[in-house]
Amino acid sequence: MSTVVVLPLIHSRAAEAAALALPQPAAAPASVAAESSPAPLFMVRRARLADLPAMMELLDRYARRGLLLPRTPEQVRRQLGDFMVAVDVTGVIGCAGLRRYPGQMAEIVGVAVDERCQGQGVGRHLIDALLDEARALGLRRVFALTLQDGFFHRLGFRTTSVAEFPEKIALDCSSCSKRATCAEIAVALDLDS
């Protein structure tokens, strides 16, 4: 059985180091160990300026594959307070942000998980942390524009029309170079207040 430690907000480096240094579960019998490999320990916390290079590496990889729109380091630095990161002993393994809009609404942006860590719950825990934050802020609706709608559907989002988000269209879509050929799917989740 694998162990995942998820701490939404760590306020000190000592607490962070302690969380990552938790003992691994006792070794499983050889027959069980051969069937499954343990997932790494990781935690989710607020992004820091020191995380920016690793975040940019992840975001750039996704942008090169056409899965995210490109962002400059300056853009991400300005929005750093909106981002959560997943970290393990190797460093940042995932990131995602919550961009607020007027009207008690927010968008999930910049979701990227290192390929070696996909399928281990990293993305789910990042989104869960952002949804917890949205609820704490009293937001009523969270949406995303994505090429991976199945991931969001598994988290309770439903497919909707991008036209439901005129602020997003005015801010980003109207000047986007991919507007005419955009394949992103709008998904939304209404939050219980």
N, C-alpha and C. Protein backbone atom coordinates (compact mmCIF):
# COMPACT_ATOMS: atom_id res chain seq x y z
N MET A 1 0.86 -1.18 0.00
CA MET A 1 0.00 0.00 0.00
C MET A 1 0.89 1.23 0.00
N SER A 2 0.57 2.22 -0.79
CA SER A 2 1.39 3.43 -0.88
C SER A 2 0.89 4.48 0.10
N THR A 3 1.75 5.42 0.41
CA THR A 3 1.42 6.49 1.32
C THR A 3 1.57 7.82 0.61
N VAL A 4 0.56 8.64 0.72
CA VAL A 4 0.61 9.99 0.17
C VAL A 4 0.28 10.94 1.31
N VAL A 5 1.12 11.91 1.54
CA VAL A 5 0.86 12.92 2.54
C VAL A 5 0.50 14.19 1.80
N VAL A 6 -0.67 14.71 2.06
CA VAL A 6 -1.09 15.95 1.43
C VAL A 6 -1.43 16.94 2.52
N LEU A 7 -0.66 18.01 2.58
CA LEU A 7 -0.88 19.07 3.54
C LEU A 7 -1.13 20.34 2.75
N PRO A 8 -2.38 20.82 2.68
CA PRO A 8 -2.69 21.94 1.81
C PRO A 8 -1.83 23.17 2.03
N LEU A 9 -1.55 23.57 3.23
CA LEU A 9 -0.73 24.74 3.44
C LEU A 9 0.30 24.46 4.53
N ILE A 10 1.56 24.50 4.16
CA ILE A 10 2.65 24.33 5.12
C ILE A 10 3.24 25.71 5.36
N HIS A 11 3.34 26.10 6.61
CA HIS A 11 3.78 27.46 6.91
C HIS A 11 5.23 27.56 7.34
N SER A 12 5.94 26.45 7.46
CA SER A 12 7.35 26.55 7.82
C SER A 12 8.15 25.48 7.10
N ARG A 13 9.40 25.79 6.86
CA ARG A 13 10.27 24.82 6.20
C ARG A 13 10.47 23.59 7.09
N ALA A 14 10.48 23.78 8.40
CA ALA A 14 10.66 22.64 9.32
C ALA A 14 9.48 21.68 9.19
N ALA A 15 8.26 22.22 9.16
CA ALA A 15 7.07 21.36 9.01
C ALA A 15 7.09 20.67 7.66
N GLU A 16 7.53 21.38 6.63
CA GLU A 16 7.60 20.80 5.29
C GLU A 16 8.61 19.64 5.27
N ALA A 17 9.79 19.86 5.85
CA ALA A 17 10.81 18.81 5.88
C ALA A 17 10.32 17.61 6.68
N ALA A 18 9.64 17.86 7.79
CA ALA A 18 9.12 16.76 8.61
C ALA A 18 8.09 15.95 7.83
N ALA A 19 7.23 16.62 7.09
CA ALA A 19 6.21 15.91 6.31
C ALA A 19 6.84 15.03 5.25
N LEU A 20 7.88 15.52 4.60
CA LEU A 20 8.52 14.73 3.55
C LEU A 20 9.40 13.62 4.12
N ALA A 21 9.77 13.74 5.38
CA ALA A 21 10.65 12.74 5.99
C ALA A 21 9.89 11.67 6.75
N LEU A 22 8.57 11.63 6.59
CA LEU A 22 7.78 10.60 7.27
C LEU A 22 8.29 9.22 6.89
N PRO A 23 8.30 8.29 7.84
CA PRO A 23 8.80 6.95 7.52
C PRO A 23 7.93 6.28 6.47
N GLN A 24 8.57 5.50 5.63
CA GLN A 24 7.87 4.73 4.62
C GLN A 24 7.17 3.56 5.31
N PRO A 25 6.10 3.06 4.74
CA PRO A 25 5.44 1.89 5.33
C PRO A 25 6.39 0.69 5.35
N ALA A 26 6.11 -0.24 6.24
CA ALA A 26 6.95 -1.43 6.33
C ALA A 26 6.95 -2.14 4.99
N ALA A 27 8.07 -2.76 4.69
CA ALA A 27 8.23 -3.44 3.39
C ALA A 27 7.17 -4.53 3.25
N ALA A 28 6.58 -4.59 2.10
CA ALA A 28 5.57 -5.61 1.81
C ALA A 28 6.27 -6.90 1.44
N PRO A 29 5.60 -8.04 1.59
CA PRO A 29 6.19 -9.30 1.15
C PRO A 29 6.54 -9.21 -0.33
N ALA A 30 7.52 -9.98 -0.75
CA ALA A 30 8.01 -9.93 -2.13
C ALA A 30 6.89 -10.11 -3.14
N SER A 31 5.90 -10.97 -2.84
CA SER A 31 4.82 -11.21 -3.79
C SER A 31 3.97 -9.96 -3.98
N VAL A 32 3.73 -9.20 -2.91
CA VAL A 32 2.95 -7.97 -3.00
C VAL A 32 3.78 -6.87 -3.64
N ALA A 33 5.07 -6.78 -3.28
CA ALA A 33 5.94 -5.75 -3.83
C ALA A 33 6.07 -5.88 -5.34
N ALA A 34 6.05 -7.09 -5.84
CA ALA A 34 6.18 -7.29 -7.28
C ALA A 34 4.94 -6.81 -8.02
N GLU A 35 3.77 -6.84 -7.34
CA GLU A 35 2.53 -6.45 -7.98
C GLU A 35 2.32 -4.94 -8.06
N SER A 36 2.83 -4.21 -7.06
CA SER A 36 2.62 -2.76 -7.06
C SER A 36 3.84 -2.05 -6.51
N SER A 37 4.14 -0.90 -7.10
CA SER A 37 5.25 -0.12 -6.57
C SER A 37 4.67 1.05 -5.79
N PRO A 38 5.31 1.41 -4.66
CA PRO A 38 4.75 2.47 -3.83
C PRO A 38 4.85 3.83 -4.52
N ALA A 39 3.80 4.64 -4.33
CA ALA A 39 3.81 6.00 -4.85
C ALA A 39 4.69 6.85 -3.93
N PRO A 40 5.28 7.88 -4.46
CA PRO A 40 6.12 8.72 -3.62
C PRO A 40 5.29 9.55 -2.66
N LEU A 41 5.92 9.98 -1.57
CA LEU A 41 5.28 10.92 -0.67
C LEU A 41 5.30 12.28 -1.33
N PHE A 42 4.23 13.02 -1.20
CA PHE A 42 4.22 14.40 -1.68
C PHE A 42 3.26 15.21 -0.85
N MET A 43 3.38 16.51 -0.95
CA MET A 43 2.45 17.39 -0.26
C MET A 43 2.11 18.55 -1.19
N VAL A 44 1.01 19.20 -0.88
CA VAL A 44 0.55 20.36 -1.63
C VAL A 44 0.66 21.57 -0.72
N ARG A 45 1.24 22.64 -1.27
CA ARG A 45 1.40 23.87 -0.50
C ARG A 45 1.34 25.06 -1.45
N ARG A 46 1.28 26.24 -0.87
CA ARG A 46 1.29 27.48 -1.64
C ARG A 46 2.63 27.61 -2.37
N ALA A 47 2.60 28.07 -3.62
CA ALA A 47 3.83 28.26 -4.39
C ALA A 47 4.66 29.40 -3.80
N ARG A 48 5.97 29.28 -3.94
CA ARG A 48 6.93 30.29 -3.48
C ARG A 48 7.77 30.75 -4.66
N LEU A 49 8.41 31.88 -4.49
CA LEU A 49 9.25 32.42 -5.55
C LEU A 49 10.34 31.42 -5.94
N ALA A 50 10.87 30.67 -4.98
CA ALA A 50 11.91 29.68 -5.27
C ALA A 50 11.38 28.54 -6.14
N ASP A 51 10.07 28.35 -6.20
CA ASP A 51 9.47 27.30 -7.02
C ASP A 51 9.35 27.70 -8.49
N LEU A 52 9.50 28.99 -8.78
CA LEU A 52 9.24 29.50 -10.12
C LEU A 52 10.01 28.77 -11.23
N PRO A 53 11.32 28.53 -11.10
CA PRO A 53 12.01 27.83 -12.20
C PRO A 53 11.44 26.44 -12.48
N ALA A 54 11.13 25.68 -11.45
CA ALA A 54 10.58 24.33 -11.65
C ALA A 54 9.16 24.42 -12.22
N MET A 55 8.38 25.39 -11.77
CA MET A 55 7.04 25.57 -12.31
C MET A 55 7.12 25.92 -13.79
N MET A 56 8.04 26.83 -14.15
CA MET A 56 8.18 27.23 -15.55
C MET A 56 8.59 26.04 -16.42
N GLU A 57 9.45 25.19 -15.91
CA GLU A 57 9.85 24.00 -16.67
C GLU A 57 8.63 23.12 -16.96
N LEU A 58 7.81 22.89 -15.96
CA LEU A 58 6.59 22.09 -16.15
C LEU A 58 5.63 22.78 -17.13
N LEU A 59 5.33 24.05 -16.88
CA LEU A 59 4.39 24.78 -17.72
C LEU A 59 4.88 24.87 -19.16
N ASP A 60 6.19 25.08 -19.36
CA ASP A 60 6.75 25.15 -20.71
C ASP A 60 6.63 23.80 -21.44
N ARG A 61 6.86 22.70 -20.71
CA ARG A 61 6.71 21.38 -21.35
C ARG A 61 5.28 21.17 -21.84
N TYR A 62 4.31 21.54 -21.02
CA TYR A 62 2.91 21.41 -21.42
C TYR A 62 2.58 22.35 -22.57
N ALA A 63 3.11 23.56 -22.55
CA ALA A 63 2.85 24.52 -23.63
C ALA A 63 3.45 24.03 -24.95
N ARG A 64 4.65 23.46 -24.91
CA ARG A 64 5.28 22.93 -26.13
C ARG A 64 4.46 21.81 -26.76
N ARG A 65 3.74 21.06 -25.92
CA ARG A 65 2.90 19.97 -26.42
C ARG A 65 1.50 20.46 -26.80
N GLY A 66 1.25 21.76 -26.66
CA GLY A 66 -0.04 22.33 -27.00
C GLY A 66 -1.13 22.08 -25.98
N LEU A 67 -0.76 21.69 -24.76
CA LEU A 67 -1.74 21.38 -23.72
C LEU A 67 -2.06 22.58 -22.83
N LEU A 68 -1.19 23.59 -22.85
CA LEU A 68 -1.41 24.84 -22.12
C LEU A 68 -0.98 25.98 -23.01
N LEU A 69 -1.54 27.14 -22.77
CA LEU A 69 -1.05 28.32 -23.46
C LEU A 69 0.29 28.74 -22.85
N PRO A 70 1.21 29.24 -23.67
CA PRO A 70 2.50 29.66 -23.12
C PRO A 70 2.35 30.81 -22.14
N ARG A 71 3.20 30.80 -21.12
CA ARG A 71 3.26 31.87 -20.12
C ARG A 71 4.71 32.27 -19.96
N THR A 72 4.95 33.54 -19.73
CA THR A 72 6.31 34.00 -19.47
C THR A 72 6.58 33.86 -17.97
N PRO A 73 7.85 33.79 -17.60
CA PRO A 73 8.17 33.76 -16.16
C PRO A 73 7.59 34.98 -15.42
N GLU A 74 7.59 36.13 -16.07
CA GLU A 74 7.04 37.33 -15.45
C GLU A 74 5.54 37.19 -15.19
N GLN A 75 4.81 36.61 -16.12
CA GLN A 75 3.37 36.40 -15.94
C GLN A 75 3.12 35.46 -14.75
N VAL A 76 3.87 34.38 -14.68
CA VAL A 76 3.69 33.42 -13.59
C VAL A 76 4.11 34.05 -12.27
N ARG A 77 5.21 34.81 -12.27
CA ARG A 77 5.67 35.46 -11.04
C ARG A 77 4.59 36.40 -10.50
N ARG A 78 3.95 37.17 -11.39
CA ARG A 78 2.89 38.10 -10.97
C ARG A 78 1.69 37.35 -10.39
N GLN A 79 1.45 36.15 -10.86
CA GLN A 79 0.29 35.35 -10.40
C GLN A 79 0.69 34.26 -9.41
N LEU A 80 1.91 34.31 -8.91
CA LEU A 80 2.42 33.25 -8.04
C LEU A 80 1.52 32.98 -6.84
N GLY A 81 0.93 34.03 -6.27
CA GLY A 81 0.04 33.86 -5.12
C GLY A 81 -1.22 33.06 -5.42
N ASP A 82 -1.53 32.90 -6.71
CA ASP A 82 -2.70 32.12 -7.12
C ASP A 82 -2.39 30.62 -7.20
N PHE A 83 -1.11 30.25 -7.16
CA PHE A 83 -0.69 28.87 -7.44
C PHE A 83 -0.41 28.05 -6.19
N MET A 84 -0.75 26.78 -6.31
CA MET A 84 -0.35 25.75 -5.35
C MET A 84 0.64 24.86 -6.10
N VAL A 85 1.54 24.23 -5.36
CA VAL A 85 2.47 23.27 -5.95
C VAL A 85 2.39 21.97 -5.17
N ALA A 86 2.66 20.88 -5.87
CA ALA A 86 2.85 19.59 -5.23
C ALA A 86 4.35 19.36 -5.23
N VAL A 87 4.89 18.98 -4.08
CA VAL A 87 6.32 18.76 -3.96
C VAL A 87 6.59 17.41 -3.33
N ASP A 88 7.67 16.79 -3.79
CA ASP A 88 8.17 15.59 -3.14
C ASP A 88 9.64 15.85 -2.83
N VAL A 89 10.38 14.82 -2.48
CA VAL A 89 11.78 15.02 -2.10
C VAL A 89 12.64 15.51 -3.26
N THR A 90 12.16 15.37 -4.49
CA THR A 90 12.92 15.84 -5.64
C THR A 90 12.60 17.29 -5.98
N GLY A 91 11.54 17.85 -5.41
CA GLY A 91 11.15 19.22 -5.70
C GLY A 91 9.72 19.30 -6.21
N VAL A 92 9.44 20.31 -7.02
CA VAL A 92 8.09 20.54 -7.54
C VAL A 92 7.75 19.47 -8.57
N ILE A 93 6.62 18.79 -8.36
CA ILE A 93 6.17 17.75 -9.30
C ILE A 93 4.83 18.10 -9.93
N GLY A 94 4.25 19.23 -9.53
CA GLY A 94 2.99 19.65 -10.11
C GLY A 94 2.62 21.04 -9.66
N CYS A 95 1.76 21.69 -10.44
CA CYS A 95 1.28 23.02 -10.07
C CYS A 95 -0.10 23.25 -10.67
N ALA A 96 -0.82 24.18 -10.06
CA ALA A 96 -2.13 24.60 -10.55
C ALA A 96 -2.48 25.89 -9.83
N GLY A 97 -3.24 26.75 -10.52
CA GLY A 97 -3.60 28.04 -9.93
C GLY A 97 -5.09 28.28 -9.92
N LEU A 98 -5.51 29.22 -9.10
CA LEU A 98 -6.90 29.63 -8.98
C LEU A 98 -6.97 31.12 -9.26
N ARG A 99 -7.51 31.47 -10.41
CA ARG A 99 -7.60 32.87 -10.85
C ARG A 99 -9.02 33.37 -10.59
N ARG A 100 -9.14 34.37 -9.72
CA ARG A 100 -10.46 34.89 -9.34
C ARG A 100 -11.00 35.87 -10.37
N TYR A 101 -12.33 35.84 -10.52
CA TYR A 101 -13.08 36.76 -11.37
C TYR A 101 -14.17 37.40 -10.52
N PRO A 102 -14.72 38.52 -11.01
CA PRO A 102 -15.86 39.10 -10.28
C PRO A 102 -17.04 38.11 -10.26
N GLY A 103 -17.91 38.31 -9.31
CA GLY A 103 -19.12 37.50 -9.27
C GLY A 103 -18.95 36.15 -8.60
N GLN A 104 -18.06 36.04 -7.62
CA GLN A 104 -17.87 34.81 -6.86
C GLN A 104 -17.52 33.62 -7.75
N MET A 105 -16.62 33.86 -8.68
CA MET A 105 -16.24 32.83 -9.64
C MET A 105 -14.71 32.81 -9.78
N ALA A 106 -14.16 31.63 -10.11
CA ALA A 106 -12.72 31.51 -10.32
C ALA A 106 -12.45 30.46 -11.39
N GLU A 107 -11.27 30.57 -11.97
CA GLU A 107 -10.83 29.63 -13.01
C GLU A 107 -9.62 28.86 -12.51
N ILE A 108 -9.60 27.57 -12.77
CA ILE A 108 -8.42 26.76 -12.50
C ILE A 108 -7.52 26.89 -13.71
N VAL A 109 -6.27 27.30 -13.48
CA VAL A 109 -5.32 27.57 -14.56
C VAL A 109 -4.01 26.83 -14.31
N GLY A 110 -3.25 26.65 -15.39
CA GLY A 110 -1.88 26.16 -15.28
C GLY A 110 -1.72 24.81 -14.59
N VAL A 111 -2.61 23.88 -14.87
CA VAL A 111 -2.51 22.55 -14.25
C VAL A 111 -1.46 21.75 -15.02
N ALA A 112 -0.39 21.38 -14.32
CA ALA A 112 0.69 20.60 -14.93
C ALA A 112 1.27 19.66 -13.89
N VAL A 113 1.42 18.40 -14.25
CA VAL A 113 2.00 17.39 -13.36
C VAL A 113 3.12 16.69 -14.12
N ASP A 114 4.26 16.57 -13.46
CA ASP A 114 5.40 15.89 -14.06
C ASP A 114 4.97 14.52 -14.57
N GLU A 115 5.39 14.18 -15.77
CA GLU A 115 4.96 12.93 -16.40
C GLU A 115 5.26 11.71 -15.54
N ARG A 116 6.36 11.73 -14.82
CA ARG A 116 6.74 10.56 -14.00
C ARG A 116 5.81 10.38 -12.79
N CYS A 117 5.00 11.40 -12.49
CA CYS A 117 4.12 11.35 -11.32
C CYS A 117 2.65 11.28 -11.69
N GLN A 118 2.35 11.21 -12.97
CA GLN A 118 0.94 11.16 -13.37
C GLN A 118 0.32 9.83 -12.95
N GLY A 119 -0.96 9.89 -12.66
CA GLY A 119 -1.67 8.69 -12.22
C GLY A 119 -1.48 8.37 -10.75
N GLN A 120 -0.87 9.28 -10.00
CA GLN A 120 -0.61 9.04 -8.58
C GLN A 120 -1.40 9.99 -7.68
N GLY A 121 -2.37 10.69 -8.24
CA GLY A 121 -3.23 11.56 -7.44
C GLY A 121 -2.71 12.98 -7.26
N VAL A 122 -1.61 13.33 -7.89
CA VAL A 122 -1.04 14.66 -7.73
C VAL A 122 -2.00 15.72 -8.24
N GLY A 123 -2.49 15.57 -9.46
CA GLY A 123 -3.42 16.54 -10.03
C GLY A 123 -4.69 16.66 -9.21
N ARG A 124 -5.23 15.54 -8.79
CA ARG A 124 -6.45 15.54 -7.97
C ARG A 124 -6.23 16.33 -6.68
N HIS A 125 -5.11 16.11 -6.01
CA HIS A 125 -4.85 16.81 -4.75
C HIS A 125 -4.63 18.30 -4.97
N LEU A 126 -4.00 18.67 -6.08
CA LEU A 126 -3.86 20.09 -6.39
C LEU A 126 -5.23 20.74 -6.59
N ILE A 127 -6.09 20.10 -7.37
CA ILE A 127 -7.42 20.66 -7.63
C ILE A 127 -8.24 20.68 -6.34
N ASP A 128 -8.15 19.64 -5.54
CA ASP A 128 -8.88 19.62 -4.26
C ASP A 128 -8.45 20.79 -3.38
N ALA A 129 -7.15 21.08 -3.32
CA ALA A 129 -6.66 22.20 -2.51
C ALA A 129 -7.21 23.52 -3.04
N LEU A 130 -7.26 23.67 -4.37
CA LEU A 130 -7.80 24.90 -4.95
C LEU A 130 -9.30 25.02 -4.69
N LEU A 131 -10.03 23.91 -4.75
CA LEU A 131 -11.46 23.95 -4.47
C LEU A 131 -11.72 24.29 -3.00
N ASP A 132 -10.87 23.76 -2.10
CA ASP A 132 -10.99 24.13 -0.69
C ASP A 132 -10.77 25.63 -0.50
N GLU A 133 -9.78 26.16 -1.20
CA GLU A 133 -9.51 27.60 -1.13
C GLU A 133 -10.69 28.40 -1.68
N ALA A 134 -11.25 27.95 -2.80
CA ALA A 134 -12.39 28.65 -3.39
C ALA A 134 -13.57 28.67 -2.42
N ARG A 135 -13.82 27.56 -1.77
CA ARG A 135 -14.91 27.51 -0.79
C ARG A 135 -14.63 28.45 0.38
N ALA A 136 -13.38 28.46 0.86
CA ALA A 136 -13.02 29.33 1.97
C ALA A 136 -13.17 30.81 1.60
N LEU A 137 -12.99 31.12 0.33
CA LEU A 137 -13.16 32.50 -0.15
C LEU A 137 -14.62 32.84 -0.43
N GLY A 138 -15.51 31.87 -0.28
CA GLY A 138 -16.92 32.11 -0.51
C GLY A 138 -17.30 32.13 -1.99
N LEU A 139 -16.45 31.54 -2.84
CA LEU A 139 -16.75 31.51 -4.26
C LEU A 139 -17.84 30.47 -4.52
N ARG A 140 -18.64 30.72 -5.53
CA ARG A 140 -19.77 29.83 -5.82
C ARG A 140 -19.53 28.92 -7.01
N ARG A 141 -18.60 29.32 -7.91
CA ARG A 141 -18.41 28.52 -9.13
C ARG A 141 -16.94 28.55 -9.53
N VAL A 142 -16.47 27.39 -9.96
CA VAL A 142 -15.10 27.27 -10.45
C VAL A 142 -15.18 26.63 -11.84
N PHE A 143 -14.39 27.16 -12.77
CA PHE A 143 -14.40 26.61 -14.12
C PHE A 143 -12.98 26.43 -14.61
N ALA A 144 -12.84 25.72 -15.70
CA ALA A 144 -11.55 25.55 -16.37
C ALA A 144 -11.81 25.40 -17.86
N LEU A 145 -10.84 25.83 -18.65
CA LEU A 145 -10.83 25.52 -20.08
C LEU A 145 -9.72 24.50 -20.25
N THR A 146 -10.05 23.35 -20.81
CA THR A 146 -9.12 22.24 -20.79
C THR A 146 -9.22 21.39 -22.05
N LEU A 147 -8.15 20.66 -22.30
CA LEU A 147 -8.16 19.62 -23.33
C LEU A 147 -8.32 18.25 -22.67
N GLN A 148 -8.32 18.23 -21.35
CA GLN A 148 -8.41 16.99 -20.56
C GLN A 148 -9.71 16.99 -19.75
N ASP A 149 -10.85 17.09 -20.43
CA ASP A 149 -12.11 17.19 -19.72
C ASP A 149 -12.44 15.96 -18.88
N GLY A 150 -11.96 14.78 -19.30
CA GLY A 150 -12.20 13.56 -18.53
C GLY A 150 -11.64 13.66 -17.12
N PHE A 151 -10.46 14.26 -16.98
CA PHE A 151 -9.85 14.47 -15.67
C PHE A 151 -10.79 15.29 -14.79
N PHE A 152 -11.29 16.40 -15.32
CA PHE A 152 -12.18 17.26 -14.55
C PHE A 152 -13.53 16.60 -14.29
N HIS A 153 -14.03 15.81 -15.23
CA HIS A 153 -15.30 15.11 -15.01
C HIS A 153 -15.18 14.16 -13.81
N ARG A 154 -14.04 13.50 -13.68
CA ARG A 154 -13.82 12.60 -12.53
C ARG A 154 -13.83 13.35 -11.21
N LEU A 155 -13.60 14.66 -11.25
CA LEU A 155 -13.58 15.49 -10.04
C LEU A 155 -14.92 16.19 -9.80
N GLY A 156 -15.92 15.86 -10.62
CA GLY A 156 -17.26 16.40 -10.42
C GLY A 156 -17.62 17.59 -11.29
N PHE A 157 -16.71 18.05 -12.14
CA PHE A 157 -17.01 19.14 -13.06
C PHE A 157 -17.93 18.63 -14.17
N ARG A 158 -18.67 19.53 -14.78
CA ARG A 158 -19.50 19.17 -15.92
C ARG A 158 -19.13 20.05 -17.11
N THR A 159 -19.30 19.52 -18.29
CA THR A 159 -19.02 20.29 -19.51
C THR A 159 -20.08 21.36 -19.67
N THR A 160 -19.64 22.54 -20.08
CA THR A 160 -20.54 23.66 -20.29
C THR A 160 -20.04 24.49 -21.46
N SER A 161 -20.64 25.63 -21.70
CA SER A 161 -20.23 26.50 -22.80
C SER A 161 -19.29 27.59 -22.29
N VAL A 162 -18.25 27.88 -23.05
CA VAL A 162 -17.34 28.96 -22.68
C VAL A 162 -18.07 30.30 -22.66
N ALA A 163 -19.18 30.40 -23.37
CA ALA A 163 -19.96 31.64 -23.39
C ALA A 163 -20.50 32.00 -22.00
N GLU A 164 -20.52 31.04 -21.07
CA GLU A 164 -20.95 31.31 -19.70
C GLU A 164 -19.93 32.13 -18.92
N PHE A 165 -18.75 32.36 -19.52
CA PHE A 165 -17.68 33.05 -18.82
C PHE A 165 -17.19 34.26 -19.62
N PRO A 166 -18.04 35.27 -19.75
CA PRO A 166 -17.68 36.42 -20.59
C PRO A 166 -16.43 37.16 -20.10
N GLU A 167 -16.18 37.15 -18.78
CA GLU A 167 -14.97 37.80 -18.26
C GLU A 167 -13.72 37.10 -18.80
N LYS A 168 -13.75 35.79 -18.86
CA LYS A 168 -12.63 35.01 -19.40
C LYS A 168 -12.44 35.34 -20.88
N ILE A 169 -13.52 35.36 -21.62
CA ILE A 169 -13.44 35.65 -23.05
C ILE A 169 -12.84 37.04 -23.27
N ALA A 170 -13.32 38.02 -22.52
CA ALA A 170 -12.83 39.39 -22.68
C ALA A 170 -11.36 39.52 -22.28
N LEU A 171 -10.97 38.83 -21.23
CA LEU A 171 -9.61 38.96 -20.71
C LEU A 171 -8.58 38.18 -21.52
N ASP A 172 -8.90 36.96 -21.90
CA ASP A 172 -7.91 36.09 -22.53
C ASP A 172 -8.26 35.65 -23.95
N CYS A 173 -9.47 35.18 -24.13
CA CYS A 173 -9.83 34.54 -25.40
C CYS A 173 -9.84 35.50 -26.58
N SER A 174 -10.30 36.73 -26.36
CA SER A 174 -10.42 37.66 -27.48
C SER A 174 -9.08 38.00 -28.11
N SER A 175 -7.98 37.89 -27.35
CA SER A 175 -6.66 38.21 -27.91
C SER A 175 -5.79 36.97 -28.12
N CYS A 176 -6.35 35.80 -27.95
CA CYS A 176 -5.58 34.56 -28.06
C CYS A 176 -5.31 34.21 -29.52
N SER A 177 -4.09 33.82 -29.81
CA SER A 177 -3.72 33.45 -31.18
C SER A 177 -4.42 32.17 -31.65
N LYS A 178 -4.90 31.36 -30.72
CA LYS A 178 -5.56 30.10 -31.07
C LYS A 178 -7.09 30.21 -31.07
N ARG A 179 -7.59 31.43 -30.97
CA ARG A 179 -9.04 31.61 -30.83
C ARG A 179 -9.83 30.92 -31.95
N ALA A 180 -9.40 31.09 -33.17
CA ALA A 180 -10.15 30.53 -34.31
C ALA A 180 -10.10 29.01 -34.35
N THR A 181 -9.05 28.42 -33.76
CA THR A 181 -8.88 26.97 -33.81
C THR A 181 -8.90 26.34 -32.41
N CYS A 182 -9.44 27.05 -31.45
CA CYS A 182 -9.42 26.58 -30.05
C CYS A 182 -10.20 25.28 -29.90
N ALA A 183 -9.55 24.31 -29.27
CA ALA A 183 -10.18 23.01 -29.02
C ALA A 183 -10.49 22.81 -27.54
N GLU A 184 -10.24 23.84 -26.71
CA GLU A 184 -10.46 23.70 -25.28
C GLU A 184 -11.94 23.53 -24.98
N ILE A 185 -12.20 22.76 -23.94
CA ILE A 185 -13.55 22.45 -23.50
C ILE A 185 -13.76 23.16 -22.16
N ALA A 186 -14.87 23.85 -22.02
CA ALA A 186 -15.21 24.51 -20.76
C ALA A 186 -15.85 23.49 -19.83
N VAL A 187 -15.36 23.45 -18.60
CA VAL A 187 -15.94 22.60 -17.56
C VAL A 187 -16.17 23.49 -16.34
N ALA A 188 -17.19 23.18 -15.56
CA ALA A 188 -17.50 24.00 -14.39
C ALA A 188 -17.99 23.15 -13.25
N LEU A 189 -17.80 23.67 -12.05
CA LEU A 189 -18.26 23.01 -10.83
C LEU A 189 -18.93 24.08 -9.96
N ASP A 190 -20.18 23.86 -9.61
CA ASP A 190 -20.87 24.75 -8.68
C ASP A 190 -20.54 24.26 -7.28
N LEU A 191 -20.06 25.18 -6.43
CA LEU A 191 -19.61 24.81 -5.09
C LEU A 191 -20.76 24.92 -4.10
N ASP A 192 -20.78 24.01 -3.15
CA ASP A 192 -21.73 24.08 -2.06
C ASP A 192 -21.19 25.11 -1.08
N SER A 193 -21.98 26.07 -0.74
CA SER A 193 -21.52 27.12 0.18
C SER A 193 -21.81 26.76 1.60
